[in-house]
């Protein structure tokens, strides 16, 4: 065994983007939606729902995403305490996502060019994707009394990148799979309520503009019917869940992919013709005399390379590369081995 230090040109670093499915069982499109009857019957079910791909009681059932409702003034949900006016779950949710996304308790959400006081949150379960969601792969069908709309993100429409405290931000617009529908305008927004919300792929969030969804067909909405009563449980998360469930089938489901950046280190290992032509393997020499087993090995040795070890400067073994087949090596041959480490 011998050691050789890598030269600068022997190491190359590469980053590759790998896309994959999000939903359980590697399904590209979620077509069935279920909730937990226990959660719906509890107090939390009034303002927060977990959505499963099968009946929640089944062994293979897993949470796919969560739905919640947010309002800047606390409308749409009952107060925690009647003595504390305006303090309700919808206001808490609004403040939570304002801090996470905007990073400023005095800022407001502006969807497209319109400020909105309330929105729905779809939070994709973290276990469903590895690193981030893939912009341009989203197609969401939402139904209401005024019909059905298809929503995607505008990542392919805008060349400039917008960042928030939660990472990249895209507008949700009319369209599918990153292709924007520009029937009423050039950006896929609603007529009067701006965009359909925000897509935040780095944290797996979609904020759906409630005002846009509540609009009628002529305005680009579905008449979702968000309840905005003060100090009253309007079960708004259930309304969005029902809207998605009505839309769900083999062609009108919820499609989204994930994206992962894999960093690779390529090591180019170059045993030159004058190197690594002898072996320290005991079978190479006579155990009694210490001489080479075959005298021909003195001038014309023949060895086979089967394994490459990567060591640090303290000669500590960090990685092992196994060759698919032994490579013959002698003074007349030079070998180039490429070892790849992904992380």
C-alpha atoms as a PDB file:
ATOM      1  CA  UNK A   1       0.000   0.000   0.000  1.00  0.00           C
ATOM      2  CA  UNK A   2       1.244   3.456  -0.883  1.00  0.00           C
ATOM      3  CA  UNK A   3       0.119   7.026  -0.371  1.00  0.00           C
ATOM      4  CA  UNK A   4      -0.027   9.900  -2.814  1.00  0.00           C
ATOM      5  CA  UNK A   5      -1.188  13.465  -2.163  1.00  0.00           C
ATOM      6  CA  UNK A   6      -3.824  14.921  -4.491  1.00  0.00           C
ATOM      7  CA  UNK A   7      -2.882  17.881  -6.643  1.00  0.00           C
ATOM      8  CA  UNK A   8      -5.281  20.822  -6.954  1.00  0.00           C
ATOM      9  CA  UNK A   9      -6.368  19.703 -10.428  1.00  0.00           C
ATOM     10  CA  UNK A  10      -7.223  16.232  -9.120  1.00  0.00           C
ATOM     11  CA  UNK A  11     -10.291  17.492  -7.201  1.00  0.00           C
ATOM     12  CA  UNK A  12     -13.470  18.871  -8.823  1.00  0.00           C
ATOM     13  CA  UNK A  13     -16.637  19.943  -6.978  1.00  0.00           C
ATOM     14  CA  UNK A  14     -19.991  19.736  -8.778  1.00  0.00           C
ATOM     15  CA  UNK A  15     -23.581  20.595  -7.761  1.00  0.00           C
ATOM     16  CA  UNK A  16     -26.510  18.849  -9.430  1.00  0.00           C
ATOM     17  CA  UNK A  17     -30.232  19.438  -8.940  1.00  0.00           C
ATOM     18  CA  UNK A  18     -32.334  16.283  -8.595  1.00  0.00           C
ATOM     19  CA  UNK A  19     -36.143  16.365  -8.760  1.00  0.00           C
ATOM     20  CA  UNK A  20     -38.508  13.825  -7.233  1.00  0.00           C
ATOM     21  CA  UNK A  21     -42.100  13.241  -6.227  1.00  0.00           C
ATOM     22  CA  UNK A  22     -43.562  14.638  -3.007  1.00  0.00           C
ATOM     23  CA  UNK A  23     -46.571  12.571  -2.027  1.00  0.00           C
ATOM     24  CA  UNK A  24     -46.439   9.190  -0.314  1.00  0.00           C
ATOM     25  CA  UNK A  25     -45.701   6.066  -2.371  1.00  0.00           C
ATOM     26  CA  UNK A  26     -43.879   8.270  -4.914  1.00  0.00           C
ATOM     27  CA  UNK A  27     -47.124   9.552  -6.362  1.00  0.00           C
ATOM     28  CA  UNK A  28     -46.687  12.684  -8.517  1.00  0.00           C
ATOM     29  CA  UNK A  29     -50.317  13.767  -8.045  1.00  0.00           C
ATOM     30  CA  UNK A  30     -52.451  13.647  -4.915  1.00  0.00           C
ATOM     31  CA  UNK A  31     -56.028  12.768  -5.908  1.00  0.00           C
ATOM     32  CA  UNK A  32     -57.576  11.588  -2.630  1.00  0.00           C
ATOM     33  CA  UNK A  33     -57.934  13.711   0.489  1.00  0.00           C
ATOM     34  CA  UNK A  34     -58.812  12.515   3.990  1.00  0.00           C
ATOM     35  CA  UNK A  35     -58.804  14.050   7.451  1.00  0.00           C
ATOM     36  CA  UNK A  36     -58.823  12.589  10.931  1.00  0.00           C
ATOM     37  CA  UNK A  37     -62.257  12.384  12.528  1.00  0.00           C
ATOM     38  CA  UNK A  38     -60.603  12.757  15.918  1.00  0.00           C
ATOM     39  CA  UNK A  39     -58.954  16.017  14.895  1.00  0.00           C
ATOM     40  CA  UNK A  40     -62.129  17.370  13.310  1.00  0.00           C
ATOM     41  CA  UNK A  41     -64.065  16.656  16.490  1.00  0.00           C
ATOM     42  CA  UNK A  42     -61.498  18.477  18.625  1.00  0.00           C
ATOM     43  CA  UNK A  43     -61.088  22.221  19.126  1.00  0.00           C
ATOM     44  CA  UNK A  44     -57.980  22.302  16.949  1.00  0.00           C
ATOM     45  CA  UNK A  45     -60.000  20.999  13.997  1.00  0.00           C
ATOM     46  CA  UNK A  46     -61.824  24.327  13.882  1.00  0.00           C
ATOM     47  CA  UNK A  47     -58.739  26.153  12.653  1.00  0.00           C
ATOM     48  CA  UNK A  48     -56.180  23.505  11.692  1.00  0.00           C
ATOM     49  CA  UNK A  49     -56.484  20.307   9.598  1.00  0.00           C
ATOM     50  CA  UNK A  50     -54.018  17.608   8.623  1.00  0.00           C
ATOM     51  CA  UNK A  51     -54.690  16.010   5.236  1.00  0.00           C
ATOM     52  CA  UNK A  52     -53.906  12.335   4.531  1.00  0.00           C
ATOM     53  CA  UNK A  53     -53.725  10.348   1.284  1.00  0.00           C
ATOM     54  CA  UNK A  54     -55.850   7.506   2.748  1.00  0.00           C
ATOM     55  CA  UNK A  55     -58.100   6.999   5.743  1.00  0.00           C
ATOM     56  CA  UNK A  56     -56.108   8.227   8.734  1.00  0.00           C
ATOM     57  CA  UNK A  57     -56.755   4.987  10.622  1.00  0.00           C
ATOM     58  CA  UNK A  58     -54.971   2.829   8.030  1.00  0.00           C
ATOM     59  CA  UNK A  59     -51.403   1.664   8.620  1.00  0.00           C
ATOM     60  CA  UNK A  60     -50.010   3.278   5.452  1.00  0.00           C
ATOM     61  CA  UNK A  61     -51.722   6.603   6.057  1.00  0.00           C
ATOM     62  CA  UNK A  62     -49.410   9.624   6.334  1.00  0.00           C
ATOM     63  CA  UNK A  63     -49.906  13.366   6.611  1.00  0.00           C
ATOM     64  CA  UNK A  64     -49.391  15.007   3.215  1.00  0.00           C
ATOM     65  CA  UNK A  65     -50.006  18.638   4.128  1.00  0.00           C
ATOM     66  CA  UNK A  66     -51.764  20.828   6.695  1.00  0.00           C
ATOM     67  CA  UNK A  67     -54.360  23.547   6.200  1.00  0.00           C
ATOM     68  CA  UNK A  68     -54.893  26.556   8.430  1.00  0.00           C
ATOM     69  CA  UNK A  69     -56.542  29.971   8.176  1.00  0.00           C
ATOM     70  CA  UNK A  70     -55.052  33.357   9.049  1.00  0.00           C
ATOM     71  CA  UNK A  71     -56.680  36.760   9.562  1.00  0.00           C
ATOM     72  CA  UNK A  72     -54.915  39.937  10.663  1.00  0.00           C
ATOM     73  CA  UNK A  73     -57.760  40.954  13.030  1.00  0.00           C
ATOM     74  CA  UNK A  74     -58.684  37.495  14.258  1.00  0.00           C
ATOM     75  CA  UNK A  75     -61.913  37.067  12.296  1.00  0.00           C
ATOM     76  CA  UNK A  76     -63.139  33.615  11.353  1.00  0.00           C
ATOM     77  CA  UNK A  77     -62.425  32.002  14.728  1.00  0.00           C
ATOM     78  CA  UNK A  78     -63.665  32.409  18.279  1.00  0.00           C
ATOM     79  CA  UNK A  79     -61.648  34.328  20.874  1.00  0.00           C
ATOM     80  CA  UNK A  80     -59.433  32.415  23.236  1.00  0.00           C
ATOM     81  CA  UNK A  81     -60.985  34.484  26.006  1.00  0.00           C
ATOM     82  CA  UNK A  82     -63.995  36.775  25.622  1.00  0.00           C
ATOM     83  CA  UNK A  83     -62.231  39.287  27.849  1.00  0.00           C
ATOM     84  CA  UNK A  84     -59.380  39.611  25.304  1.00  0.00           C
ATOM     85  CA  UNK A  85     -61.023  40.998  22.180  1.00  0.00           C
ATOM     86  CA  UNK A  86     -59.434  39.947  18.897  1.00  0.00           C
ATOM     87  CA  UNK A  87     -57.107  37.318  20.323  1.00  0.00           C
ATOM     88  CA  UNK A  88     -58.044  34.204  18.372  1.00  0.00           C
ATOM     89  CA  UNK A  89     -56.407  31.291  16.512  1.00  0.00           C
ATOM     90  CA  UNK A  90     -56.696  32.994  13.107  1.00  0.00           C
ATOM     91  CA  UNK A  91     -54.865  36.044  14.425  1.00  0.00           C
ATOM     92  CA  UNK A  92     -52.193  33.859  16.001  1.00  0.00           C
ATOM     93  CA  UNK A  93     -51.668  32.017  12.704  1.00  0.00           C
ATOM     94  CA  UNK A  94     -51.442  35.335  10.847  1.00  0.00           C
ATOM     95  CA  UNK A  95     -48.785  36.613  13.255  1.00  0.00           C
ATOM     96  CA  UNK A  96     -46.859  33.357  13.074  1.00  0.00           C
ATOM     97  CA  UNK A  97     -46.502  33.442   9.310  1.00  0.00           C
ATOM     98  CA  UNK A  98     -45.938  37.177   9.242  1.00  0.00           C
ATOM     99  CA  UNK A  99     -42.919  36.637  11.489  1.00  0.00           C
ATOM    100  CA  UNK A 100     -41.690  33.607   9.540  1.00  0.00           C
ATOM    101  CA  UNK A 101     -42.115  35.066   6.065  1.00  0.00           C
ATOM    102  CA  UNK A 102     -41.958  38.845   6.420  1.00  0.00           C
ATOM    103  CA  UNK A 103     -39.860  39.069   9.581  1.00  0.00           C
ATOM    104  CA  UNK A 104     -41.656  42.250  10.630  1.00  0.00           C
ATOM    105  CA  UNK A 105     -44.739  42.459  12.827  1.00  0.00           C
ATOM    106  CA  UNK A 106     -45.765  45.730  11.165  1.00  0.00           C
ATOM    107  CA  UNK A 107     -45.691  44.421   7.584  1.00  0.00           C
ATOM    108  CA  UNK A 108     -48.677  43.128   5.629  1.00  0.00           C
ATOM    109  CA  UNK A 109     -49.068  40.536   2.905  1.00  0.00           C
ATOM    110  CA  UNK A 110     -49.287  41.958  -0.597  1.00  0.00           C
ATOM    111  CA  UNK A 111     -50.359  39.340  -3.112  1.00  0.00           C
ATOM    112  CA  UNK A 112     -49.470  40.658  -6.532  1.00  0.00           C
ATOM    113  CA  UNK A 113     -50.415  44.305  -6.167  1.00  0.00           C
ATOM    114  CA  UNK A 114     -53.159  43.952  -3.545  1.00  0.00           C
ATOM    115  CA  UNK A 115     -52.833  43.861   0.230  1.00  0.00           C
ATOM    116  CA  UNK A 116     -54.902  41.118   1.856  1.00  0.00           C
ATOM    117  CA  UNK A 117     -55.960  40.782   5.473  1.00  0.00           C
ATOM    118  CA  UNK A 118     -56.619  37.027   5.336  1.00  0.00           C
ATOM    119  CA  UNK A 119     -55.260  33.938   3.634  1.00  0.00           C
ATOM    120  CA  UNK A 120     -55.220  30.153   3.766  1.00  0.00           C
ATOM    121  CA  UNK A 121     -52.013  28.248   4.496  1.00  0.00           C
ATOM    122  CA  UNK A 122     -51.047  24.953   2.884  1.00  0.00           C
ATOM    123  CA  UNK A 123     -47.992  23.612   4.671  1.00  0.00           C
ATOM    124  CA  UNK A 124     -46.531  20.553   2.912  1.00  0.00           C
ATOM    125  CA  UNK A 125     -45.435  17.982   5.480  1.00  0.00           C
ATOM    126  CA  UNK A 126     -41.658  18.236   5.915  1.00  0.00           C
ATOM    127  CA  UNK A 127     -41.214  14.479   5.599  1.00  0.00           C
ATOM    128  CA  UNK A 128     -42.660  14.603   2.073  1.00  0.00           C
ATOM    129  CA  UNK A 129     -39.716  16.455   0.513  1.00  0.00           C
ATOM    130  CA  UNK A 130     -35.967  16.371   1.078  1.00  0.00           C
ATOM    131  CA  UNK A 131     -34.723  19.925   0.632  1.00  0.00           C
ATOM    132  CA  UNK A 132     -37.273  22.183  -1.084  1.00  0.00           C
ATOM    133  CA  UNK A 133     -40.219  22.166  -3.453  1.00  0.00           C
ATOM    134  CA  UNK A 134     -39.576  22.543  -7.178  1.00  0.00           C
ATOM    135  CA  UNK A 135     -40.806  25.811  -8.744  1.00  0.00           C
ATOM    136  CA  UNK A 136     -42.647  25.318 -11.997  1.00  0.00           C
ATOM    137  CA  UNK A 137     -44.004  21.864 -11.060  1.00  0.00           C
ATOM    138  CA  UNK A 138     -47.110  23.019  -9.167  1.00  0.00           C
ATOM    139  CA  UNK A 139     -50.666  22.435 -10.347  1.00  0.00           C
ATOM    140  CA  UNK A 140     -53.446  22.858  -7.798  1.00  0.00           C
ATOM    141  CA  UNK A 141     -57.152  22.521  -8.595  1.00  0.00           C
ATOM    142  CA  UNK A 142     -59.565  24.450  -6.376  1.00  0.00           C
ATOM    143  CA  UNK A 143     -63.343  24.186  -6.730  1.00  0.00           C
ATOM    144  CA  UNK A 144     -66.196  26.297  -5.418  1.00  0.00           C
ATOM    145  CA  UNK A 145     -69.765  27.246  -6.186  1.00  0.00           C
ATOM    146  CA  UNK A 146     -68.494  29.431  -9.053  1.00  0.00           C
ATOM    147  CA  UNK A 147     -66.523  26.649 -10.747  1.00  0.00           C
ATOM    148  CA  UNK A 148     -62.930  25.446 -10.706  1.00  0.00           C
ATOM    149  CA  UNK A 149     -59.568  27.130 -11.182  1.00  0.00           C
ATOM    150  CA  UNK A 150     -56.035  25.829 -11.724  1.00  0.00           C
ATOM    151  CA  UNK A 151     -53.183  27.486  -9.877  1.00  0.00           C
ATOM    152  CA  UNK A 152     -49.428  27.338 -10.441  1.00  0.00           C
ATOM    153  CA  UNK A 153     -46.448  29.554  -9.628  1.00  0.00           C
ATOM    154  CA  UNK A 154     -44.969  32.252 -11.864  1.00  0.00           C
ATOM    155  CA  UNK A 155     -41.333  31.109 -11.567  1.00  0.00           C
ATOM    156  CA  UNK A 156     -41.078  30.710 -15.347  1.00  0.00           C
ATOM    157  CA  UNK A 157     -42.655  34.098 -16.024  1.00  0.00           C
ATOM    158  CA  UNK A 158     -40.414  36.302 -13.882  1.00  0.00           C
ATOM    159  CA  UNK A 159     -36.685  36.601 -14.465  1.00  0.00           C
ATOM    160  CA  UNK A 160     -36.046  38.550 -11.244  1.00  0.00           C
ATOM    161  CA  UNK A 161     -35.897  36.671  -7.949  1.00  0.00           C
ATOM    162  CA  UNK A 162     -37.717  37.887  -4.817  1.00  0.00           C
ATOM    163  CA  UNK A 163     -36.544  36.732  -1.382  1.00  0.00           C
ATOM    164  CA  UNK A 164     -38.260  36.802   2.000  1.00  0.00           C
ATOM    165  CA  UNK A 165     -37.167  35.688   5.456  1.00  0.00           C
ATOM    166  CA  UNK A 166     -38.462  32.253   4.417  1.00  0.00           C
ATOM    167  CA  UNK A 167     -36.434  32.097   1.203  1.00  0.00           C
ATOM    168  CA  UNK A 168     -37.582  32.483  -2.375  1.00  0.00           C
ATOM    169  CA  UNK A 169     -41.059  33.796  -3.099  1.00  0.00           C
ATOM    170  CA  UNK A 170     -43.200  33.417  -6.199  1.00  0.00           C
ATOM    171  CA  UNK A 171     -46.750  34.551  -6.885  1.00  0.00           C
ATOM    172  CA  UNK A 172     -49.475  31.954  -7.277  1.00  0.00           C
ATOM    173  CA  UNK A 173     -51.224  32.559 -10.574  1.00  0.00           C
ATOM    174  CA  UNK A 174     -53.734  30.991 -12.929  1.00  0.00           C
ATOM    175  CA  UNK A 175     -52.104  28.149 -14.855  1.00  0.00           C
ATOM    176  CA  UNK A 176     -50.584  24.677 -14.523  1.00  0.00           C
ATOM    177  CA  UNK A 177     -47.098  23.147 -14.267  1.00  0.00           C
ATOM    178  CA  UNK A 178     -45.428  26.555 -14.366  1.00  0.00           C
ATOM    179  CA  UNK A 179     -47.282  27.658 -17.507  1.00  0.00           C
ATOM    180  CA  UNK A 180     -49.194  30.845 -16.732  1.00  0.00           C
ATOM    181  CA  UNK A 181     -52.676  31.348 -18.134  1.00  0.00           C
ATOM    182  CA  UNK A 182     -52.863  34.930 -19.361  1.00  0.00           C
ATOM    183  CA  UNK A 183     -56.502  35.106 -20.454  1.00  0.00           C
ATOM    184  CA  UNK A 184     -57.563  38.259 -18.593  1.00  0.00           C
ATOM    185  CA  UNK A 185     -54.135  39.794 -18.093  1.00  0.00           C
ATOM    186  CA  UNK A 186     -50.490  39.100 -18.787  1.00  0.00           C
ATOM    187  CA  UNK A 187     -49.561  37.868 -15.297  1.00  0.00           C
ATOM    188  CA  UNK A 188     -52.286  35.354 -14.431  1.00  0.00           C
ATOM    189  CA  UNK A 189     -53.688  37.394 -11.518  1.00  0.00           C
ATOM    190  CA  UNK A 190     -57.317  37.882 -10.598  1.00  0.00           C
ATOM    191  CA  UNK A 191     -59.213  40.903 -11.886  1.00  0.00           C
ATOM    192  CA  UNK A 192     -59.391  42.872  -8.623  1.00  0.00           C
ATOM    193  CA  UNK A 193     -57.639  40.915  -5.851  1.00  0.00           C
ATOM    194  CA  UNK A 194     -54.097  40.592  -7.154  1.00  0.00           C
ATOM    195  CA  UNK A 195     -52.442  37.178  -7.348  1.00  0.00           C
ATOM    196  CA  UNK A 196     -53.789  33.975  -5.823  1.00  0.00           C
ATOM    197  CA  UNK A 197     -51.135  34.100  -3.125  1.00  0.00           C
ATOM    198  CA  UNK A 198     -47.502  33.180  -2.581  1.00  0.00           C
ATOM    199  CA  UNK A 199     -45.453  30.076  -3.180  1.00  0.00           C
ATOM    200  CA  UNK A 200     -42.491  29.644  -0.819  1.00  0.00           C
ATOM    201  CA  UNK A 201     -40.650  26.540  -2.077  1.00  0.00           C
ATOM    202  CA  UNK A 202     -37.741  26.642   0.374  1.00  0.00           C
ATOM    203  CA  UNK A 203     -40.039  26.058   3.379  1.00  0.00           C
ATOM    204  CA  UNK A 204     -42.829  24.096   1.669  1.00  0.00           C
ATOM    205  CA  UNK A 205     -45.514  26.775   2.041  1.00  0.00           C
ATOM    206  CA  UNK A 206     -48.363  28.067  -0.096  1.00  0.00           C
ATOM    207  CA  UNK A 207     -50.295  31.101   1.131  1.00  0.00           C
ATOM    208  CA  UNK A 208     -53.612  31.306  -0.723  1.00  0.00           C
ATOM    209  CA  UNK A 209     -55.148  34.763  -1.040  1.00  0.00           C
ATOM    210  CA  UNK A 210     -58.601  34.454   0.536  1.00  0.00           C
ATOM    211  CA  UNK A 211     -60.001  37.480  -1.257  1.00  0.00           C
ATOM    212  CA  UNK A 212     -58.977  36.015  -4.627  1.00  0.00           C
ATOM    213  CA  UNK A 213     -60.658  32.675  -3.890  1.00  0.00           C
ATOM    214  CA  UNK A 214     -63.824  34.327  -2.584  1.00  0.00           C
ATOM    215  CA  UNK A 215     -64.343  36.253  -5.827  1.00  0.00           C
ATOM    216  CA  UNK A 216     -66.827  35.080  -8.418  1.00  0.00           C
ATOM    217  CA  UNK A 217     -66.133  33.456 -11.749  1.00  0.00           C
ATOM    218  CA  UNK A 218     -65.868  36.767 -13.600  1.00  0.00           C
ATOM    219  CA  UNK A 219     -63.286  37.963 -11.074  1.00  0.00           C
ATOM    220  CA  UNK A 220     -61.181  34.804 -11.340  1.00  0.00           C
ATOM    221  CA  UNK A 221     -62.349  33.220  -8.083  1.00  0.00           C
ATOM    222  CA  UNK A 222     -64.475  30.223  -7.119  1.00  0.00           C
ATOM    223  CA  UNK A 223     -66.797  31.851  -4.526  1.00  0.00           C
ATOM    224  CA  UNK A 224     -65.159  29.827  -1.763  1.00  0.00           C
ATOM    225  CA  UNK A 225     -67.238  31.585   0.893  1.00  0.00           C
ATOM    226  CA  UNK A 226     -64.684  32.321   3.615  1.00  0.00           C
ATOM    227  CA  UNK A 227     -66.359  33.021   6.950  1.00  0.00           C
ATOM    228  CA  UNK A 228     -65.206  36.325   8.403  1.00  0.00           C
ATOM    229  CA  UNK A 229     -67.472  36.677  11.428  1.00  0.00           C
ATOM    230  CA  UNK A 230     -65.868  38.220  14.506  1.00  0.00           C
ATOM    231  CA  UNK A 231     -65.607  35.907  17.536  1.00  0.00           C
ATOM    232  CA  UNK A 232     -67.119  32.946  15.676  1.00  0.00           C
ATOM    233  CA  UNK A 233     -65.750  29.643  14.442  1.00  0.00           C
ATOM    234  CA  UNK A 234     -66.233  29.672  10.673  1.00  0.00           C
ATOM    235  CA  UNK A 235     -64.455  26.334  10.034  1.00  0.00           C
ATOM    236  CA  UNK A 236     -62.537  27.906   7.160  1.00  0.00           C
ATOM    237  CA  UNK A 237     -59.867  25.174   6.907  1.00  0.00           C
ATOM    238  CA  UNK A 238     -62.664  22.671   6.266  1.00  0.00           C
ATOM    239  CA  UNK A 239     -63.932  24.845   3.408  1.00  0.00           C
ATOM    240  CA  UNK A 240     -60.601  24.758   1.612  1.00  0.00           C
ATOM    241  CA  UNK A 241     -60.272  21.029   2.325  1.00  0.00           C
ATOM    242  CA  UNK A 242     -63.708  20.397   0.795  1.00  0.00           C
ATOM    243  CA  UNK A 243     -62.773  22.521  -2.202  1.00  0.00           C
ATOM    244  CA  UNK A 244     -59.625  20.463  -2.823  1.00  0.00           C
ATOM    245  CA  UNK A 245     -61.433  17.171  -2.250  1.00  0.00           C
ATOM    246  CA  UNK A 246     -64.156  18.012  -4.766  1.00  0.00           C
ATOM    247  CA  UNK A 247     -61.464  18.776  -7.339  1.00  0.00           C
ATOM    248  CA  UNK A 248     -59.430  15.671  -6.662  1.00  0.00           C
ATOM    249  CA  UNK A 249     -59.456  12.936  -9.305  1.00  0.00           C
ATOM    250  CA  UNK A 250     -57.029  11.348 -11.766  1.00  0.00           C
ATOM    251  CA  UNK A 251     -56.724  14.529 -13.834  1.00  0.00           C
ATOM    252  CA  UNK A 252     -57.565  17.301 -11.364  1.00  0.00           C
ATOM    253  CA  UNK A 253     -55.426  16.544  -8.335  1.00  0.00           C
ATOM    254  CA  UNK A 254     -52.660  18.375  -6.513  1.00  0.00           C
ATOM    255  CA  UNK A 255     -49.303  18.015  -8.293  1.00  0.00           C
ATOM    256  CA  UNK A 256     -45.988  19.237  -6.915  1.00  0.00           C
ATOM    257  CA  UNK A 257     -42.403  17.922  -7.062  1.00  0.00           C
ATOM    258  CA  UNK A 258     -39.475  18.316  -4.728  1.00  0.00           C
ATOM    259  CA  UNK A 259     -35.948  19.429  -5.543  1.00  0.00           C
ATOM    260  CA  UNK A 260     -32.641  18.521  -3.956  1.00  0.00           C
ATOM    261  CA  UNK A 261     -29.177  19.887  -4.634  1.00  0.00           C
ATOM    262  CA  UNK A 262     -26.560  17.141  -4.402  1.00  0.00           C
ATOM    263  CA  UNK A 263     -22.966  18.242  -4.020  1.00  0.00           C
ATOM    264  CA  UNK A 264     -20.401  15.857  -5.454  1.00  0.00           C
ATOM    265  CA  UNK A 265     -16.646  15.721  -5.000  1.00  0.00           C
ATOM    266  CA  UNK A 266     -14.801  14.082  -7.881  1.00  0.00           C
ATOM    267  CA  UNK A 267     -11.344  12.723  -7.077  1.00  0.00           C
ATOM    268  CA  UNK A 268      -9.140  11.835 -10.044  1.00  0.00           C
ATOM    269  CA  UNK A 269      -6.690   9.165  -8.932  1.00  0.00           C
ATOM    270  CA  UNK A 270      -3.729   8.782 -11.260  1.00  0.00           C
ATOM    271  CA  UNK A 271      -1.348   5.852 -10.675  1.00  0.00           C
ATOM    272  CA  UNK A 272       1.390   6.668 -13.214  1.00  0.00           C
ATOM    273  CA  UNK A 273       3.550   4.113 -14.976  1.00  0.00           C
ATOM    274  CA  UNK A 274       6.346   4.277 -12.361  1.00  0.00           C
ATOM    275  CA  UNK A 275       3.983   4.042  -9.360  1.00  0.00           C
ATOM    276  CA  UNK A 276       2.153   1.241  -7.545  1.00  0.00           C
ATOM    277  CA  UNK A 277       3.764  -1.596  -9.450  1.00  0.00           C
ATOM    278  CA  UNK A 278       4.606  -3.645  -6.362  1.00  0.00           C
ATOM    279  CA  UNK A 279       2.388  -5.003  -3.638  1.00  0.00           C
ATOM    280  CA  UNK A 280       2.733  -5.368   0.121  1.00  0.00           C
ATOM    281  CA  UNK A 281       0.358  -8.323   0.014  1.00  0.00           C
ATOM    282  CA  UNK A 282       2.029 -11.339   1.728  1.00  0.00           C
ATOM    283  CA  UNK A 283       1.262 -13.476  -1.316  1.00  0.00           C
ATOM    284  CA  UNK A 284       3.657 -11.310  -3.351  1.00  0.00           C
ATOM    285  CA  UNK A 285       6.750 -12.537  -1.458  1.00  0.00           C
ATOM    286  CA  UNK A 286       8.055 -15.759  -0.002  1.00  0.00           C
ATOM    287  CA  UNK A 287       7.196 -16.089   3.653  1.00  0.00           C
ATOM    288  CA  UNK A 288      10.456 -17.846   4.493  1.00  0.00           C
ATOM    289  CA  UNK A 289      13.022 -15.737   2.627  1.00  0.00           C
ATOM    290  CA  UNK A 290      11.223 -12.447   1.996  1.00  0.00           C
ATOM    291  CA  UNK A 291      12.036 -12.686  -1.714  1.00  0.00           C
ATOM    292  CA  UNK A 292       9.585 -12.181  -4.557  1.00  0.00           C
ATOM    293  CA  UNK A 293       7.657 -15.346  -5.335  1.00  0.00           C
ATOM    294  CA  UNK A 294       8.440 -15.022  -9.035  1.00  0.00           C
ATOM    295  CA  UNK A 295      11.803 -13.708 -10.132  1.00  0.00           C
ATOM    296  CA  UNK A 296      10.193 -12.121 -13.187  1.00  0.00           C
ATOM    297  CA  UNK A 297       8.497  -9.649 -10.830  1.00  0.00           C
ATOM    298  CA  UNK A 298      11.874  -8.018 -10.162  1.00  0.00           C
ATOM    299  CA  UNK A 299      12.073  -6.360 -13.570  1.00  0.00           C
ATOM    300  CA  UNK A 300       8.497  -6.791 -14.759  1.00  0.00           C
ATOM    301  CA  UNK A 301       6.078  -6.841 -11.831  1.00  0.00           C
ATOM    302  CA  UNK A 302       2.341  -7.349 -12.346  1.00  0.00           C
ATOM    303  CA  UNK A 303      -0.226  -6.219  -9.772  1.00  0.00           C
ATOM    304  CA  UNK A 304      -3.973  -5.589  -9.766  1.00  0.00           C
ATOM    305  CA  UNK A 305      -5.672  -2.549  -8.281  1.00  0.00           C
ATOM    306  CA  UNK A 306      -8.991  -3.434  -6.602  1.00  0.00           C
ATOM    307  CA  UNK A 307      -9.535  -0.728  -3.963  1.00  0.00           C
ATOM    308  CA  UNK A 308      -8.695   2.938  -3.462  1.00  0.00           C
ATOM    309  CA  UNK A 309      -8.673   4.537  -0.023  1.00  0.00           C
ATOM    310  CA  UNK A 310      -9.054   8.276   0.561  1.00  0.00           C
ATOM    311  CA  UNK A 311      -7.149   9.570   3.585  1.00  0.00           C
ATOM    312  CA  UNK A 312      -6.776  12.910   5.307  1.00  0.00           C
ATOM    313  CA  UNK A 313      -3.453  14.550   6.176  1.00  0.00           C
ATOM    314  CA  UNK A 314      -3.274  12.478   9.380  1.00  0.00           C
ATOM    315  CA  UNK A 315      -3.468   9.246   7.372  1.00  0.00           C
ATOM    316  CA  UNK A 316      -6.973   8.543   8.694  1.00  0.00           C
ATOM    317  CA  UNK A 317      -9.145   6.572   6.269  1.00  0.00           C
ATOM    318  CA  UNK A 318     -12.202   8.646   5.265  1.00  0.00           C
ATOM    319  CA  UNK A 319     -13.667   6.749   2.321  1.00  0.00           C
ATOM    320  CA  UNK A 320     -13.127   3.600   0.305  1.00  0.00           C
ATOM    321  CA  UNK A 321     -13.771   3.209  -3.431  1.00  0.00           C
ATOM    322  CA  UNK A 322     -14.249  -0.346  -4.690  1.00  0.00           C
ATOM    323  CA  UNK A 323     -13.508  -0.955  -8.369  1.00  0.00           C
ATOM    324  CA  UNK A 324     -16.004  -2.944 -10.426  1.00  0.00           C
ATOM    325  CA  UNK A 325     -13.157  -5.208 -11.584  1.00  0.00           C
ATOM    326  CA  UNK A 326      -9.421  -5.524 -10.834  1.00  0.00           C
ATOM    327  CA  UNK A 327      -7.269  -3.298 -13.035  1.00  0.00           C
ATOM    328  CA  UNK A 328      -3.859  -4.706 -14.086  1.00  0.00           C
ATOM    329  CA  UNK A 329      -0.928  -2.375 -13.396  1.00  0.00           C
ATOM    330  CA  UNK A 330       2.745  -2.514 -14.434  1.00  0.00           C
ATOM    331  CA  UNK A 331       5.502  -0.198 -15.686  1.00  0.00           C
ATOM    332  CA  UNK A 332       3.863   0.004 -19.126  1.00  0.00           C
ATOM    333  CA  UNK A 333       0.435   1.174 -17.902  1.00  0.00           C
ATOM    334  CA  UNK A 334      -1.026   4.286 -16.373  1.00  0.00           C
ATOM    335  CA  UNK A 335      -4.527   4.303 -14.884  1.00  0.00           C
ATOM    336  CA  UNK A 336      -7.067   7.059 -14.284  1.00  0.00           C
ATOM    337  CA  UNK A 337      -9.691   6.281 -11.617  1.00  0.00           C
ATOM    338  CA  UNK A 338     -12.510   8.710 -10.877  1.00  0.00           C
ATOM    339  CA  UNK A 339     -14.013   8.458  -7.384  1.00  0.00           C
ATOM    340  CA  UNK A 340     -17.226  10.341  -6.603  1.00  0.00           C
ATOM    341  CA  UNK A 341     -18.460  11.372  -3.141  1.00  0.00           C
ATOM    342  CA  UNK A 342     -22.033  12.663  -2.842  1.00  0.00           C
ATOM    343  CA  UNK A 343     -23.333  14.573   0.165  1.00  0.00           C
END
